[in-house]
Amino acid sequence: MRPIHHRLEGRVRSHIFLCMLAYYVEWHMREAWRPLMFTDQVQQAK
């Protein structure tokens, strides 16, 4: 990965929006797939 340097306000806002959207999609998929991922069993074993 490399640093992203935006100079225009619209591009900065778009970049932040895409980062937040990616984070939300990741969170949503983890919640939806939780029963399939065996994370509950791993946590209970600890």
PDB file of N, CA and C in Angstrom:
ATOM      1  N   MET A   1       0.842  -1.166   0.000  1.00  0.00           N
ATOM      2  CA  MET A   1       0.000   0.000   0.000  1.00  0.00           C
ATOM      3  C   MET A   1       0.894   1.238   0.000  1.00  0.00           C
ATOM      4  N   ARG A   2       0.366   2.285  -0.551  1.00  0.00           N
ATOM      5  CA  ARG A   2       1.130   3.520  -0.598  1.00  0.00           C
ATOM      6  C   ARG A   2       0.284   4.647  -0.033  1.00  0.00           C
ATOM      7  N   PRO A   3       0.913   5.703   0.396  1.00  0.00           N
ATOM      8  CA  PRO A   3       0.124   6.830   0.928  1.00  0.00           C
ATOM      9  C   PRO A   3      -0.738   7.469  -0.162  1.00  0.00           C
ATOM     10  N   ILE A   4      -1.876   7.939   0.237  1.00  0.00           N
ATOM     11  CA  ILE A   4      -2.781   8.626  -0.682  1.00  0.00           C
ATOM     12  C   ILE A   4      -2.748  10.110  -0.325  1.00  0.00           C
ATOM     13  N   HIS A   5      -2.413  10.941  -1.283  1.00  0.00           N
ATOM     14  CA  HIS A   5      -2.345  12.379  -1.055  1.00  0.00           C
ATOM     15  C   HIS A   5      -3.378  13.073  -1.951  1.00  0.00           C
ATOM     16  N   HIS A   6      -4.479  13.503  -1.343  1.00  0.00           N
ATOM     17  CA  HIS A   6      -5.514  14.222  -2.076  1.00  0.00           C
ATOM     18  C   HIS A   6      -5.365  15.712  -1.793  1.00  0.00           C
ATOM     19  N   ARG A   7      -5.638  16.492  -2.790  1.00  0.00           N
ATOM     20  CA  ARG A   7      -5.548  17.942  -2.607  1.00  0.00           C
ATOM     21  C   ARG A   7      -6.905  18.632  -2.735  1.00  0.00           C
ATOM     22  N   LEU A   8      -7.831  18.010  -3.420  1.00  0.00           N
ATOM     23  CA  LEU A   8      -9.144  18.612  -3.605  1.00  0.00           C
ATOM     24  C   LEU A   8     -10.127  18.079  -2.562  1.00  0.00           C
ATOM     25  N   GLU A   9     -10.968  18.971  -2.049  1.00  0.00           N
ATOM     26  CA  GLU A   9     -11.890  18.593  -0.975  1.00  0.00           C
ATOM     27  C   GLU A   9     -12.818  17.447  -1.379  1.00  0.00           C
ATOM     28  N   GLY A  10     -13.316  17.485  -2.594  1.00  0.00           N
ATOM     29  CA  GLY A  10     -14.212  16.428  -3.063  1.00  0.00           C
ATOM     30  C   GLY A  10     -13.543  15.065  -3.082  1.00  0.00           C
ATOM     31  N   ARG A  11     -12.295  15.024  -3.437  1.00  0.00           N
ATOM     32  CA  ARG A  11     -11.570  13.755  -3.460  1.00  0.00           C
ATOM     33  C   ARG A  11     -11.301  13.234  -2.056  1.00  0.00           C
ATOM     34  N   VAL A  12     -11.014  14.152  -1.136  1.00  0.00           N
ATOM     35  CA  VAL A  12     -10.806  13.744   0.257  1.00  0.00           C
ATOM     36  C   VAL A  12     -12.092  13.150   0.820  1.00  0.00           C
ATOM     37  N   ARG A  13     -13.205  13.839   0.591  1.00  0.00           N
ATOM     38  CA  ARG A  13     -14.492  13.340   1.074  1.00  0.00           C
ATOM     39  C   ARG A  13     -14.837  11.990   0.444  1.00  0.00           C
ATOM     40  N   SER A  14     -14.571  11.841  -0.839  1.00  0.00           N
ATOM     41  CA  SER A  14     -14.846  10.576  -1.522  1.00  0.00           C
ATOM     42  C   SER A  14     -13.995   9.446  -0.960  1.00  0.00           C
ATOM     43  N   HIS A  15     -12.740   9.740  -0.682  1.00  0.00           N
ATOM     44  CA  HIS A  15     -11.837   8.727  -0.139  1.00  0.00           C
ATOM     45  C   HIS A  15     -12.310   8.287   1.248  1.00  0.00           C
ATOM     46  N   ILE A  16     -12.692   9.236   2.087  1.00  0.00           N
ATOM     47  CA  ILE A  16     -13.185   8.899   3.420  1.00  0.00           C
ATOM     48  C   ILE A  16     -14.472   8.097   3.324  1.00  0.00           C
ATOM     49  N   PHE A  17     -15.352   8.497   2.415  1.00  0.00           N
ATOM     50  CA  PHE A  17     -16.595   7.751   2.215  1.00  0.00           C
ATOM     51  C   PHE A  17     -16.317   6.310   1.811  1.00  0.00           C
ATOM     52  N   LEU A  18     -15.401   6.096   0.881  1.00  0.00           N
ATOM     53  CA  LEU A  18     -15.085   4.737   0.442  1.00  0.00           C
ATOM     54  C   LEU A  18     -14.457   3.915   1.559  1.00  0.00           C
ATOM     55  N   CYS A  19     -13.619   4.536   2.376  1.00  0.00           N
ATOM     56  CA  CYS A  19     -13.033   3.819   3.514  1.00  0.00           C
ATOM     57  C   CYS A  19     -14.113   3.388   4.498  1.00  0.00           C
ATOM     58  N   MET A  20     -15.028   4.280   4.806  1.00  0.00           N
ATOM     59  CA  MET A  20     -16.106   3.948   5.735  1.00  0.00           C
ATOM     60  C   MET A  20     -17.051   2.903   5.145  1.00  0.00           C
ATOM     61  N   LEU A  21     -17.315   2.997   3.853  1.00  0.00           N
ATOM     62  CA  LEU A  21     -18.155   2.005   3.193  1.00  0.00           C
ATOM     63  C   LEU A  21     -17.506   0.627   3.245  1.00  0.00           C
ATOM     64  N   ALA A  22     -16.209   0.556   2.998  1.00  0.00           N
ATOM     65  CA  ALA A  22     -15.492  -0.723   3.057  1.00  0.00           C
ATOM     66  C   ALA A  22     -15.534  -1.287   4.472  1.00  0.00           C
ATOM     67  N   TYR A  23     -15.348  -0.433   5.480  1.00  0.00           N
ATOM     68  CA  TYR A  23     -15.423  -0.882   6.865  1.00  0.00           C
ATOM     69  C   TYR A  23     -16.815  -1.422   7.180  1.00  0.00           C
ATOM     70  N   TYR A  24     -17.873  -0.745   6.730  1.00  0.00           N
ATOM     71  CA  TYR A  24     -19.232  -1.200   6.985  1.00  0.00           C
ATOM     72  C   TYR A  24     -19.502  -2.540   6.308  1.00  0.00           C
ATOM     73  N   VAL A  25     -19.063  -2.695   5.073  1.00  0.00           N
ATOM     74  CA  VAL A  25     -19.272  -3.963   4.361  1.00  0.00           C
ATOM     75  C   VAL A  25     -18.550  -5.095   5.094  1.00  0.00           C
ATOM     76  N   GLU A  26     -17.323  -4.839   5.544  1.00  0.00           N
ATOM     77  CA  GLU A  26     -16.582  -5.863   6.290  1.00  0.00           C
ATOM     78  C   GLU A  26     -17.322  -6.243   7.569  1.00  0.00           C
ATOM     79  N   TRP A  27     -17.792  -5.245   8.323  1.00  0.00           N
ATOM     80  CA  TRP A  27     -18.519  -5.510   9.559  1.00  0.00           C
ATOM     81  C   TRP A  27     -19.794  -6.304   9.283  1.00  0.00           C
ATOM     82  N   HIS A  28     -20.527  -5.882   8.259  1.00  0.00           N
ATOM     83  CA  HIS A  28     -21.790  -6.544   7.924  1.00  0.00           C
ATOM     84  C   HIS A  28     -21.552  -8.005   7.531  1.00  0.00           C
ATOM     85  N   MET A  29     -20.527  -8.260   6.745  1.00  0.00           N
ATOM     86  CA  MET A  29     -20.241  -9.634   6.320  1.00  0.00           C
ATOM     87  C   MET A  29     -19.789 -10.486   7.503  1.00  0.00           C
ATOM     88  N   ARG A  30     -18.993  -9.938   8.402  1.00  0.00           N
ATOM     89  CA  ARG A  30     -18.588 -10.692   9.593  1.00  0.00           C
ATOM     90  C   ARG A  30     -19.806 -11.065  10.437  1.00  0.00           C
ATOM     91  N   GLU A  31     -20.746 -10.127  10.592  1.00  0.00           N
ATOM     92  CA  GLU A  31     -21.959 -10.418  11.350  1.00  0.00           C
ATOM     93  C   GLU A  31     -22.814 -11.473  10.644  1.00  0.00           C
ATOM     94  N   ALA A  32     -22.940 -11.356   9.341  1.00  0.00           N
ATOM     95  CA  ALA A  32     -23.776 -12.289   8.588  1.00  0.00           C
ATOM     96  C   ALA A  32     -23.162 -13.693   8.559  1.00  0.00           C
ATOM     97  N   TRP A  33     -21.850 -13.770   8.508  1.00  0.00           N
ATOM     98  CA  TRP A  33     -21.167 -15.067   8.411  1.00  0.00           C
ATOM     99  C   TRP A  33     -20.708 -15.619   9.751  1.00  0.00           C
ATOM    100  N   ARG A  34     -21.042 -14.923  10.835  1.00  0.00           N
ATOM    101  CA  ARG A  34     -20.580 -15.357  12.160  1.00  0.00           C
ATOM    102  C   ARG A  34     -20.887 -16.835  12.440  1.00  0.00           C
ATOM    103  N   PRO A  35     -22.091 -17.337  12.133  1.00  0.00           N
ATOM    104  CA  PRO A  35     -22.361 -18.750  12.414  1.00  0.00           C
ATOM    105  C   PRO A  35     -21.487 -19.711  11.601  1.00  0.00           C
ATOM    106  N   LEU A  36     -20.963 -19.274  10.488  1.00  0.00           N
ATOM    107  CA  LEU A  36     -20.167 -20.142   9.635  1.00  0.00           C
ATOM    108  C   LEU A  36     -18.673 -20.088   9.922  1.00  0.00           C
ATOM    109  N   MET A  37     -18.232 -19.115  10.716  1.00  0.00           N
ATOM    110  CA  MET A  37     -16.798 -18.862  10.858  1.00  0.00           C
ATOM    111  C   MET A  37     -16.148 -19.520  12.076  1.00  0.00           C
ATOM    112  N   PHE A  38     -16.887 -20.197  12.901  1.00  0.00           N
ATOM    113  CA  PHE A  38     -16.365 -20.898  14.082  1.00  0.00           C
ATOM    114  C   PHE A  38     -15.732 -19.965  15.101  1.00  0.00           C
ATOM    115  N   THR A  39     -15.982 -18.685  15.041  1.00  0.00           N
ATOM    116  CA  THR A  39     -15.383 -17.767  16.013  1.00  0.00           C
ATOM    117  C   THR A  39     -16.001 -17.951  17.392  1.00  0.00           C
ATOM    118  N   ASP A  40     -17.262 -18.331  17.456  1.00  0.00           N
ATOM    119  CA  ASP A  40     -17.900 -18.545  18.747  1.00  0.00           C
ATOM    120  C   ASP A  40     -17.250 -19.715  19.489  1.00  0.00           C
ATOM    121  N   GLN A  41     -16.951 -20.795  18.780  1.00  0.00           N
ATOM    122  CA  GLN A  41     -16.331 -21.951  19.404  1.00  0.00           C
ATOM    123  C   GLN A  41     -14.921 -21.644  19.880  1.00  0.00           C
ATOM    124  N   VAL A  42     -14.193 -20.861  19.121  1.00  0.00           N
ATOM    125  CA  VAL A  42     -12.836 -20.501  19.496  1.00  0.00           C
ATOM    126  C   VAL A  42     -12.865 -19.651  20.764  1.00  0.00           C
ATOM    127  N   GLN A  43     -13.775 -18.706  20.849  1.00  0.00           N
ATOM    128  CA  GLN A  43     -13.884 -17.838  22.018  1.00  0.00           C
ATOM    129  C   GLN A  43     -14.292 -18.639  23.253  1.00  0.00           C
ATOM    130  N   GLN A  44     -15.183 -19.597  23.104  1.00  0.00           N
ATOM    131  CA  GLN A  44     -15.629 -20.405  24.233  1.00  0.00           C
ATOM    132  C   GLN A  44     -14.515 -21.305  24.745  1.00  0.00           C
ATOM    133  N   ALA A  45     -13.652 -21.773  23.856  1.00  0.00           N
ATOM    134  CA  ALA A  45     -12.540 -22.639  24.237  1.00  0.00           C
ATOM    135  C   ALA A  45     -11.505 -21.883  25.066  1.00  0.00           C
ATOM    136  N   LYS A  46     -11.370 -20.581  24.825  1.00  0.00           N
ATOM    137  CA  LYS A  46     -10.401 -19.777  25.577  1.00  0.00           C
ATOM    138  C   LYS A  46     -10.906 -19.594  26.980  1.00  0.00           C
TER     139      LYS A  46
END
